[in-house]
PDB file of all heavy atoms in Angstrom:
ATOM      1  N   SER A   1      27.171  -7.590 -11.383  1.00  0.00           N
ATOM      2  CA  SER A   1      27.702  -7.360 -10.035  1.00  0.00           C
ATOM      3  C   SER A   1      28.004  -5.881  -9.809  1.00  0.00           C
ATOM      4  O   SER A   1      27.792  -5.356  -8.713  1.00  0.00           O
ATOM      5  CB  SER A   1      28.940  -8.225  -9.778  1.00  0.00           C
ATOM      6  OG  SER A   1      29.996  -7.836 -10.615  1.00  0.00           O
ATOM      7  N   THR A   2      28.458  -5.194 -10.856  1.00  0.00           N
ATOM      8  CA  THR A   2      28.708  -3.757 -10.731  1.00  0.00           C
ATOM      9  C   THR A   2      27.412  -2.992 -10.481  1.00  0.00           C
ATOM     10  O   THR A   2      27.349  -2.120  -9.610  1.00  0.00           O
ATOM     11  CB  THR A   2      29.395  -3.221 -12.010  1.00  0.00           C
ATOM     12  OG1 THR A   2      30.639  -3.899 -12.169  1.00  0.00           O
ATOM     13  CG2 THR A   2      29.621  -1.722 -11.936  1.00  0.00           C
ATOM     14  N   ILE A   3      26.390  -3.330 -11.212  1.00  0.00           N
ATOM     15  CA  ILE A   3      25.095  -2.663 -11.034  1.00  0.00           C
ATOM     16  C   ILE A   3      24.546  -2.931  -9.635  1.00  0.00           C
ATOM     17  O   ILE A   3      24.036  -2.019  -8.968  1.00  0.00           O
ATOM     18  CB  ILE A   3      24.100  -3.110 -12.123  1.00  0.00           C
ATOM     19  CG1 ILE A   3      24.519  -2.538 -13.471  1.00  0.00           C
ATOM     20  CG2 ILE A   3      22.674  -2.695 -11.775  1.00  0.00           C
ATOM     21  CD1 ILE A   3      23.781  -3.115 -14.659  1.00  0.00           C
ATOM     22  N   ILE A   4      24.654  -4.159  -9.165  1.00  0.00           N
ATOM     23  CA  ILE A   4      24.169  -4.497  -7.825  1.00  0.00           C
ATOM     24  C   ILE A   4      24.939  -3.706  -6.772  1.00  0.00           C
ATOM     25  O   ILE A   4      24.358  -3.154  -5.836  1.00  0.00           O
ATOM     26  CB  ILE A   4      24.255  -6.016  -7.590  1.00  0.00           C
ATOM     27  CG1 ILE A   4      23.220  -6.728  -8.464  1.00  0.00           C
ATOM     28  CG2 ILE A   4      24.059  -6.364  -6.118  1.00  0.00           C
ATOM     29  CD1 ILE A   4      23.404  -8.231  -8.538  1.00  0.00           C
ATOM     30  N   ARG A   5      26.266  -3.633  -6.917  1.00  0.00           N
ATOM     31  CA  ARG A   5      27.089  -2.888  -5.963  1.00  0.00           C
ATOM     32  C   ARG A   5      26.725  -1.397  -5.978  1.00  0.00           C
ATOM     33  O   ARG A   5      26.582  -0.763  -4.926  1.00  0.00           O
ATOM     34  CB  ARG A   5      28.563  -3.098  -6.293  1.00  0.00           C
ATOM     35  CG  ARG A   5      29.510  -2.551  -5.264  1.00  0.00           C
ATOM     36  CD  ARG A   5      30.970  -2.904  -5.511  1.00  0.00           C
ATOM     37  NE  ARG A   5      31.441  -2.493  -6.831  1.00  0.00           N
ATOM     38  CZ  ARG A   5      31.692  -3.318  -7.843  1.00  0.00           C
ATOM     39  NH1 ARG A   5      31.520  -4.611  -7.687  1.00  0.00           N
ATOM     40  NH2 ARG A   5      32.112  -2.871  -9.005  1.00  0.00           N
ATOM     41  N   GLN A   6      26.537  -0.834  -7.167  1.00  0.00           N
ATOM     42  CA  GLN A   6      26.168   0.577  -7.264  1.00  0.00           C
ATOM     43  C   GLN A   6      24.794   0.828  -6.662  1.00  0.00           C
ATOM     44  O   GLN A   6      24.571   1.853  -6.013  1.00  0.00           O
ATOM     45  CB  GLN A   6      26.211   1.030  -8.717  1.00  0.00           C
ATOM     46  CG  GLN A   6      27.609   1.137  -9.270  1.00  0.00           C
ATOM     47  CD  GLN A   6      27.631   1.443 -10.755  1.00  0.00           C
ATOM     48  OE1 GLN A   6      26.624   1.312 -11.450  1.00  0.00           O
ATOM     49  NE2 GLN A   6      28.780   1.849 -11.262  1.00  0.00           N
ATOM     50  N   ASN A   7      23.882  -0.108  -6.869  1.00  0.00           N
ATOM     51  CA  ASN A   7      22.545   0.025  -6.306  1.00  0.00           C
ATOM     52  C   ASN A   7      22.609   0.052  -4.771  1.00  0.00           C
ATOM     53  O   ASN A   7      21.942   0.857  -4.125  1.00  0.00           O
ATOM     54  CB  ASN A   7      21.646  -1.116  -6.777  1.00  0.00           C
ATOM     55  CG  ASN A   7      20.232  -0.959  -6.289  1.00  0.00           C
ATOM     56  OD1 ASN A   7      19.642   0.104  -6.412  1.00  0.00           O
ATOM     57  ND2 ASN A   7      19.696  -2.017  -5.705  1.00  0.00           N
ATOM     58  N   ARG A   8      23.415  -0.835  -4.195  1.00  0.00           N
ATOM     59  CA  ARG A   8      23.565  -0.857  -2.731  1.00  0.00           C
ATOM     60  C   ARG A   8      24.121   0.466  -2.221  1.00  0.00           C
ATOM     61  O   ARG A   8      23.678   0.984  -1.203  1.00  0.00           O
ATOM     62  CB  ARG A   8      24.463  -2.014  -2.320  1.00  0.00           C
ATOM     63  CG  ARG A   8      23.792  -3.349  -2.445  1.00  0.00           C
ATOM     64  CD  ARG A   8      24.706  -4.463  -2.003  1.00  0.00           C
ATOM     65  NE  ARG A   8      24.042  -5.751  -2.185  1.00  0.00           N
ATOM     66  CZ  ARG A   8      24.649  -6.872  -2.478  1.00  0.00           C
ATOM     67  NH1 ARG A   8      25.971  -6.898  -2.608  1.00  0.00           N
ATOM     68  NH2 ARG A   8      23.978  -7.982  -2.634  1.00  0.00           N
ATOM     69  N   SER A   9      25.098   1.002  -2.947  1.00  0.00           N
ATOM     70  CA  SER A   9      25.688   2.277  -2.553  1.00  0.00           C
ATOM     71  C   SER A   9      24.653   3.400  -2.618  1.00  0.00           C
ATOM     72  O   SER A   9      24.565   4.236  -1.710  1.00  0.00           O
ATOM     73  CB  SER A   9      26.870   2.604  -3.465  1.00  0.00           C
ATOM     74  OG  SER A   9      27.391   3.869  -3.175  1.00  0.00           O
ATOM     75  N   LEU A  10      23.871   3.416  -3.675  1.00  0.00           N
ATOM     76  CA  LEU A  10      22.823   4.436  -3.802  1.00  0.00           C
ATOM     77  C   LEU A  10      21.768   4.299  -2.705  1.00  0.00           C
ATOM     78  O   LEU A  10      21.266   5.305  -2.186  1.00  0.00           O
ATOM     79  CB  LEU A  10      22.159   4.346  -5.182  1.00  0.00           C
ATOM     80  CG  LEU A  10      23.007   4.840  -6.349  1.00  0.00           C
ATOM     81  CD1 LEU A  10      22.325   4.508  -7.668  1.00  0.00           C
ATOM     82  CD2 LEU A  10      23.276   6.326  -6.234  1.00  0.00           C
ATOM     83  N   MET A  11      21.439   3.067  -2.351  1.00  0.00           N
ATOM     84  CA  MET A  11      20.455   2.865  -1.279  1.00  0.00           C
ATOM     85  C   MET A  11      20.994   3.388   0.050  1.00  0.00           C
ATOM     86  O   MET A  11      20.259   3.999   0.826  1.00  0.00           O
ATOM     87  CB  MET A  11      20.088   1.387  -1.164  1.00  0.00           C
ATOM     88  CG  MET A  11      19.302   0.855  -2.361  1.00  0.00           C
ATOM     89  SD  MET A  11      17.722   1.690  -2.607  1.00  0.00           S
ATOM     90  CE  MET A  11      16.809   1.042  -1.226  1.00  0.00           C
ATOM     91  N   ARG A  12      22.273   3.141   0.341  1.00  0.00           N
ATOM     92  CA  ARG A  12      22.863   3.671   1.577  1.00  0.00           C
ATOM     93  C   ARG A  12      22.825   5.195   1.585  1.00  0.00           C
ATOM     94  O   ARG A  12      22.477   5.821   2.588  1.00  0.00           O
ATOM     95  CB  ARG A  12      24.308   3.180   1.734  1.00  0.00           C
ATOM     96  CG  ARG A  12      24.433   1.783   2.262  1.00  0.00           C
ATOM     97  CD  ARG A  12      25.867   1.471   2.686  1.00  0.00           C
ATOM     98  NE  ARG A  12      26.814   1.595   1.595  1.00  0.00           N
ATOM     99  CZ  ARG A  12      27.121   0.626   0.736  1.00  0.00           C
ATOM    100  NH1 ARG A  12      26.545  -0.552   0.850  1.00  0.00           N
ATOM    101  NH2 ARG A  12      28.001   0.839  -0.216  1.00  0.00           N
ATOM    102  N   THR A  13      23.181   5.801   0.453  1.00  0.00           N
ATOM    103  CA  THR A  13      23.162   7.263   0.347  1.00  0.00           C
ATOM    104  C   THR A  13      21.747   7.796   0.530  1.00  0.00           C
ATOM    105  O   THR A  13      21.537   8.796   1.248  1.00  0.00           O
ATOM    106  CB  THR A  13      23.718   7.699  -1.023  1.00  0.00           C
ATOM    107  OG1 THR A  13      25.042   7.180  -1.168  1.00  0.00           O
ATOM    108  CG2 THR A  13      23.733   9.203  -1.162  1.00  0.00           C
ATOM    109  N   MET A  14      20.781   7.144  -0.081  1.00  0.00           N
ATOM    110  CA  MET A  14      19.389   7.575   0.046  1.00  0.00           C
ATOM    111  C   MET A  14      18.922   7.500   1.507  1.00  0.00           C
ATOM    112  O   MET A  14      18.269   8.414   2.009  1.00  0.00           O
ATOM    113  CB  MET A  14      18.482   6.713  -0.830  1.00  0.00           C
ATOM    114  CG  MET A  14      17.044   7.203  -0.863  1.00  0.00           C
ATOM    115  SD  MET A  14      15.980   6.161  -1.866  1.00  0.00           S
ATOM    116  CE  MET A  14      15.796   4.749  -0.801  1.00  0.00           C
ATOM    117  N   ARG A  15      19.281   6.405   2.197  1.00  0.00           N
ATOM    118  CA  ARG A  15      18.892   6.275   3.607  1.00  0.00           C
ATOM    119  C   ARG A  15      19.530   7.373   4.453  1.00  0.00           C
ATOM    120  O   ARG A  15      18.884   7.938   5.343  1.00  0.00           O
ATOM    121  CB  ARG A  15      19.267   4.900   4.131  1.00  0.00           C
ATOM    122  CG  ARG A  15      18.386   3.805   3.606  1.00  0.00           C
ATOM    123  CD  ARG A  15      18.716   2.459   4.254  1.00  0.00           C
ATOM    124  NE  ARG A  15      18.074   1.401   3.536  1.00  0.00           N
ATOM    125  CZ  ARG A  15      18.685   0.518   2.756  1.00  0.00           C
ATOM    126  NH1 ARG A  15      20.002   0.545   2.632  1.00  0.00           N
ATOM    127  NH2 ARG A  15      18.007  -0.409   2.122  1.00  0.00           N
ATOM    128  N   ALA A  16      20.791   7.692   4.179  1.00  0.00           N
ATOM    129  CA  ALA A  16      21.468   8.759   4.929  1.00  0.00           C
ATOM    130  C   ALA A  16      20.791  10.101   4.671  1.00  0.00           C
ATOM    131  O   ALA A  16      20.572  10.886   5.605  1.00  0.00           O
ATOM    132  CB  ALA A  16      22.943   8.812   4.524  1.00  0.00           C
ATOM    133  N   LEU A  17      20.433  10.367   3.419  1.00  0.00           N
ATOM    134  CA  LEU A  17      19.753  11.625   3.095  1.00  0.00           C
ATOM    135  C   LEU A  17      18.369  11.696   3.729  1.00  0.00           C
ATOM    136  O   LEU A  17      17.941  12.767   4.185  1.00  0.00           O
ATOM    137  CB  LEU A  17      19.656  11.804   1.579  1.00  0.00           C
ATOM    138  CG  LEU A  17      20.975  12.121   0.875  1.00  0.00           C
ATOM    139  CD1 LEU A  17      20.788  12.118  -0.634  1.00  0.00           C
ATOM    140  CD2 LEU A  17      21.539  13.451   1.352  1.00  0.00           C
ATOM    141  N   MET A  18      17.671  10.568   3.778  1.00  0.00           N
ATOM    142  CA  MET A  18      16.358  10.554   4.434  1.00  0.00           C
ATOM    143  C   MET A  18      16.512  10.840   5.934  1.00  0.00           C
ATOM    144  O   MET A  18      15.717  11.580   6.519  1.00  0.00           O
ATOM    145  CB  MET A  18      15.671   9.207   4.223  1.00  0.00           C
ATOM    146  CG  MET A  18      15.192   8.986   2.804  1.00  0.00           C
ATOM    147  SD  MET A  18      13.938  10.170   2.275  1.00  0.00           S
ATOM    148  CE  MET A  18      12.574   9.658   3.289  1.00  0.00           C
ATOM    149  N   GLY A  19      17.529  10.268   6.540  1.00  0.00           N
ATOM    150  CA  GLY A  19      17.787  10.540   7.960  1.00  0.00           C
ATOM    151  C   GLY A  19      18.093  12.003   8.195  1.00  0.00           C
ATOM    152  O   GLY A  19      17.580  12.620   9.141  1.00  0.00           O
ATOM    153  N   LEU A  20      18.917  12.590   7.343  1.00  0.00           N
ATOM    154  CA  LEU A  20      19.238  14.006   7.441  1.00  0.00           C
ATOM    155  C   LEU A  20      17.988  14.856   7.245  1.00  0.00           C
ATOM    156  O   LEU A  20      17.778  15.850   7.966  1.00  0.00           O
ATOM    157  CB  LEU A  20      20.301  14.371   6.400  1.00  0.00           C
ATOM    158  CG  LEU A  20      20.765  15.818   6.375  1.00  0.00           C
ATOM    159  CD1 LEU A  20      21.390  16.201   7.717  1.00  0.00           C
ATOM    160  CD2 LEU A  20      21.750  16.031   5.245  1.00  0.00           C
ATOM    161  N   HIS A  21      17.159  14.462   6.312  1.00  0.00           N
ATOM    162  CA  HIS A  21      15.904  15.168   6.053  1.00  0.00           C
ATOM    163  C   HIS A  21      15.026  15.178   7.306  1.00  0.00           C
ATOM    164  O   HIS A  21      14.458  16.212   7.684  1.00  0.00           O
ATOM    165  CB  HIS A  21      15.184  14.469   4.892  1.00  0.00           C
ATOM    166  CG  HIS A  21      13.977  15.192   4.399  1.00  0.00           C
ATOM    167  ND1 HIS A  21      13.890  15.691   3.143  1.00  0.00           N
ATOM    168  CD2 HIS A  21      12.798  15.508   4.992  1.00  0.00           C
ATOM    169  CE1 HIS A  21      12.713  16.287   2.989  1.00  0.00           C
ATOM    170  NE2 HIS A  21      12.039  16.159   4.094  1.00  0.00           N
ATOM    171  N   ILE A  22      14.916  14.051   7.960  1.00  0.00           N
ATOM    172  CA  ILE A  22      14.101  13.948   9.179  1.00  0.00           C
ATOM    173  C   ILE A  22      14.673  14.829  10.275  1.00  0.00           C
ATOM    174  O   ILE A  22      13.933  15.532  10.987  1.00  0.00           O
ATOM    175  CB  ILE A  22      13.980  12.474   9.620  1.00  0.00           C
ATOM    176  CG1 ILE A  22      13.118  11.716   8.606  1.00  0.00           C
ATOM    177  CG2 ILE A  22      13.408  12.355  11.029  1.00  0.00           C
ATOM    178  CD1 ILE A  22      13.128  10.214   8.781  1.00  0.00           C
ATOM    179  N   VAL A  23      16.001  14.826  10.420  1.00  0.00           N
ATOM    180  CA  VAL A  23      16.640  15.678  11.437  1.00  0.00           C
ATOM    181  C   VAL A  23      16.367  17.145  11.134  1.00  0.00           C
ATOM    182  O   VAL A  23      16.036  17.931  12.043  1.00  0.00           O
ATOM    183  CB  VAL A  23      18.158  15.392  11.500  1.00  0.00           C
ATOM    184  CG1 VAL A  23      18.886  16.445  12.316  1.00  0.00           C
ATOM    185  CG2 VAL A  23      18.409  14.001  12.059  1.00  0.00           C
ATOM    186  N   LEU A  24      16.474  17.556   9.875  1.00  0.00           N
ATOM    187  CA  LEU A  24      16.222  18.956   9.506  1.00  0.00           C
ATOM    188  C   LEU A  24      14.766  19.352   9.748  1.00  0.00           C
ATOM    189  O   LEU A  24      14.491  20.465  10.212  1.00  0.00           O
ATOM    190  CB  LEU A  24      16.604  19.189   8.048  1.00  0.00           C
ATOM    191  CG  LEU A  24      18.110  19.189   7.759  1.00  0.00           C
ATOM    192  CD1 LEU A  24      18.355  19.291   6.256  1.00  0.00           C
ATOM    193  CD2 LEU A  24      18.800  20.315   8.504  1.00  0.00           C
ATOM    194  N   ILE A  25      13.842  18.457   9.448  1.00  0.00           N
ATOM    195  CA  ILE A  25      12.428  18.751   9.725  1.00  0.00           C
ATOM    196  C   ILE A  25      12.222  18.932  11.221  1.00  0.00           C
ATOM    197  O   ILE A  25      11.519  19.853  11.658  1.00  0.00           O
ATOM    198  CB  ILE A  25      11.519  17.641   9.155  1.00  0.00           C
ATOM    199  CG1 ILE A  25      11.501  17.711   7.632  1.00  0.00           C
ATOM    200  CG2 ILE A  25      10.099  17.750   9.720  1.00  0.00           C
ATOM    201  CD1 ILE A  25      10.777  16.569   6.961  1.00  0.00           C
ATOM    202  N   GLY A  26      12.843  18.060  12.000  1.00  0.00           N
ATOM    203  CA  GLY A  26      12.746  18.191  13.453  1.00  0.00           C
ATOM    204  C   GLY A  26      13.334  19.498  13.948  1.00  0.00           C
ATOM    205  O   GLY A  26      12.775  20.161  14.838  1.00  0.00           O
ATOM    206  N   LEU A  27      14.463  19.903  13.394  1.00  0.00           N
ATOM    207  CA  LEU A  27      15.104  21.156  13.781  1.00  0.00           C
ATOM    208  C   LEU A  27      14.222  22.350  13.426  1.00  0.00           C
ATOM    209  O   LEU A  27      14.042  23.273  14.242  1.00  0.00           O
ATOM    210  CB  LEU A  27      16.468  21.277  13.089  1.00  0.00           C
ATOM    211  CG  LEU A  27      17.267  22.541  13.400  1.00  0.00           C
ATOM    212  CD1 LEU A  27      17.573  22.635  14.893  1.00  0.00           C
ATOM    213  CD2 LEU A  27      18.542  22.565  12.582  1.00  0.00           C
ATOM    214  N   VAL A  28      13.655  22.344  12.234  1.00  0.00           N
ATOM    215  CA  VAL A  28      12.760  23.436  11.828  1.00  0.00           C
ATOM    216  C   VAL A  28      11.540  23.478  12.743  1.00  0.00           C
ATOM    217  O   VAL A  28      11.118  24.556  13.196  1.00  0.00           O
ATOM    218  CB  VAL A  28      12.343  23.291  10.345  1.00  0.00           C
ATOM    219  CG1 VAL A  28      11.199  24.229   9.988  1.00  0.00           C
ATOM    220  CG2 VAL A  28      13.541  23.545   9.444  1.00  0.00           C
ATOM    221  N   ALA A  29      10.963  22.332  13.053  1.00  0.00           N
ATOM    222  CA  ALA A  29       9.805  22.292  13.952  1.00  0.00           C
ATOM    223  C   ALA A  29      10.179  22.839  15.322  1.00  0.00           C
ATOM    224  O   ALA A  29       9.415  23.596  15.936  1.00  0.00           O
ATOM    225  CB  ALA A  29       9.283  20.862  14.053  1.00  0.00           C
ATOM    226  N   PHE A  30      11.356  22.483  15.809  1.00  0.00           N
ATOM    227  CA  PHE A  30      11.806  22.983  17.118  1.00  0.00           C
ATOM    228  C   PHE A  30      11.979  24.497  17.082  1.00  0.00           C
ATOM    229  O   PHE A  30      11.563  25.205  18.004  1.00  0.00           O
ATOM    230  CB  PHE A  30      13.127  22.295  17.509  1.00  0.00           C
ATOM    231  CG  PHE A  30      13.734  22.851  18.749  1.00  0.00           C
ATOM    232  CD1 PHE A  30      13.206  22.546  19.999  1.00  0.00           C
ATOM    233  CD2 PHE A  30      14.841  23.696  18.691  1.00  0.00           C
ATOM    234  CE1 PHE A  30      13.762  23.056  21.150  1.00  0.00           C
ATOM    235  CE2 PHE A  30      15.406  24.220  19.837  1.00  0.00           C
ATOM    236  CZ  PHE A  30      14.865  23.909  21.077  1.00  0.00           C
ATOM    237  N   LEU A  31      12.597  25.018  16.021  1.00  0.00           N
ATOM    238  CA  LEU A  31      12.796  26.463  15.909  1.00  0.00           C
ATOM    239  C   LEU A  31      11.466  27.205  15.810  1.00  0.00           C
ATOM    240  O   LEU A  31      11.306  28.275  16.442  1.00  0.00           O
ATOM    241  CB  LEU A  31      13.686  26.778  14.706  1.00  0.00           C
ATOM    242  CG  LEU A  31      15.158  26.348  14.836  1.00  0.00           C
ATOM    243  CD1 LEU A  31      15.898  26.593  13.516  1.00  0.00           C
ATOM    244  CD2 LEU A  31      15.829  27.076  15.976  1.00  0.00           C
ATOM    245  N   VAL A  32      10.541  26.685  15.053  1.00  0.00           N
ATOM    246  CA  VAL A  32       9.222  27.307  14.962  1.00  0.00           C
ATOM    247  C   VAL A  32       8.546  27.313  16.324  1.00  0.00           C
ATOM    248  O   VAL A  32       7.973  28.321  16.748  1.00  0.00           O
ATOM    249  CB  VAL A  32       8.359  26.586  13.898  1.00  0.00           C
ATOM    250  CG1 VAL A  32       6.914  27.029  13.985  1.00  0.00           C
ATOM    251  CG2 VAL A  32       8.914  26.867  12.507  1.00  0.00           C
ATOM    252  N   TYR A  33       8.646  26.201  17.034  1.00  0.00           N
ATOM    253  CA  TYR A  33       8.051  26.105  18.375  1.00  0.00           C
ATOM    254  C   TYR A  33       8.677  27.139  19.315  1.00  0.00           C
ATOM    255  O   TYR A  33       7.969  27.819  20.053  1.00  0.00           O
ATOM    256  CB  TYR A  33       8.262  24.678  18.914  1.00  0.00           C
ATOM    257  CG  TYR A  33       7.851  24.519  20.352  1.00  0.00           C
ATOM    258  CD1 TYR A  33       6.510  24.422  20.699  1.00  0.00           C
ATOM    259  CD2 TYR A  33       8.803  24.475  21.357  1.00  0.00           C
ATOM    260  CE1 TYR A  33       6.135  24.291  22.020  1.00  0.00           C
ATOM    261  CE2 TYR A  33       8.438  24.350  22.671  1.00  0.00           C
ATOM    262  CZ  TYR A  33       7.106  24.253  23.007  1.00  0.00           C
ATOM    263  OH  TYR A  33       6.739  24.138  24.321  1.00  0.00           O
ATOM    264  N   ARG A  34      10.011  27.267  19.265  1.00  0.00           N
ATOM    265  CA  ARG A  34      10.691  28.221  20.160  1.00  0.00           C
ATOM    266  C   ARG A  34      10.339  29.678  19.795  1.00  0.00           C
ATOM    267  O   ARG A  34      10.239  30.516  20.674  1.00  0.00           O
ATOM    268  CB  ARG A  34      12.212  28.031  20.051  1.00  0.00           C
ATOM    269  CG  ARG A  34      12.702  26.709  20.580  1.00  0.00           C
ATOM    270  CD  ARG A  34      12.581  26.592  22.052  1.00  0.00           C
ATOM    271  NE  ARG A  34      13.666  27.347  22.659  1.00  0.00           N
ATOM    272  CZ  ARG A  34      13.830  27.541  23.918  1.00  0.00           C
ATOM    273  NH1 ARG A  34      12.971  27.029  24.762  1.00  0.00           N
ATOM    274  NH2 ARG A  34      14.820  28.234  24.375  1.00  0.00           N
ATOM    275  N   LEU A  35      10.152  29.957  18.510  1.00  0.00           N
ATOM    276  CA  LEU A  35       9.809  31.311  18.093  1.00  0.00           C
ATOM    277  C   LEU A  35       8.381  31.682  18.486  1.00  0.00           C
ATOM    278  O   LEU A  35       8.099  32.840  18.776  1.00  0.00           O
ATOM    279  CB  LEU A  35       9.970  31.463  16.586  1.00  0.00           C
ATOM    280  CG  LEU A  35      11.414  31.537  16.069  1.00  0.00           C
ATOM    281  CD1 LEU A  35      11.418  31.520  14.538  1.00  0.00           C
ATOM    282  CD2 LEU A  35      12.110  32.786  16.580  1.00  0.00           C
ATOM    283  N   LEU A  36       7.484  30.681  18.512  1.00  0.00           N
ATOM    284  CA  LEU A  36       6.090  30.958  18.815  1.00  0.00           C
ATOM    285  C   LEU A  36       5.796  30.936  20.304  1.00  0.00           C
ATOM    286  O   LEU A  36       4.724  31.364  20.725  1.00  0.00           O
ATOM    287  CB  LEU A  36       5.191  29.960  18.086  1.00  0.00           C
ATOM    288  CG  LEU A  36       5.219  30.052  16.549  1.00  0.00           C
ATOM    289  CD1 LEU A  36       4.351  28.970  15.942  1.00  0.00           C
ATOM    290  CD2 LEU A  36       4.779  31.428  16.089  1.00  0.00           C
ATOM    291  N   THR A  37       6.727  30.460  21.115  1.00  0.00           N
ATOM    292  CA  THR A  37       6.476  30.423  22.568  1.00  0.00           C
ATOM    293  C   THR A  37       7.338  31.375  23.322  1.00  0.00           C
ATOM    294  O   THR A  37       8.186  32.022  22.911  1.00  0.00           O
ATOM    295  CB  THR A  37       6.728  29.006  23.124  1.00  0.00           C
ATOM    296  OG1 THR A  37       8.047  28.619  22.858  1.00  0.00           O
ATOM    297  CG2 THR A  37       5.735  28.044  22.575  1.00  0.00           C
TER     298      THR A  37
END
């Protein structure tokens, strides 16, 4: 049960980091677009 609980916690953290990663990629793409136009 401890391993299962820890796994769930790690999965939530991973999903949050993936979401942050996507937001950062979007921000970088937006900044590149603004610099080139």
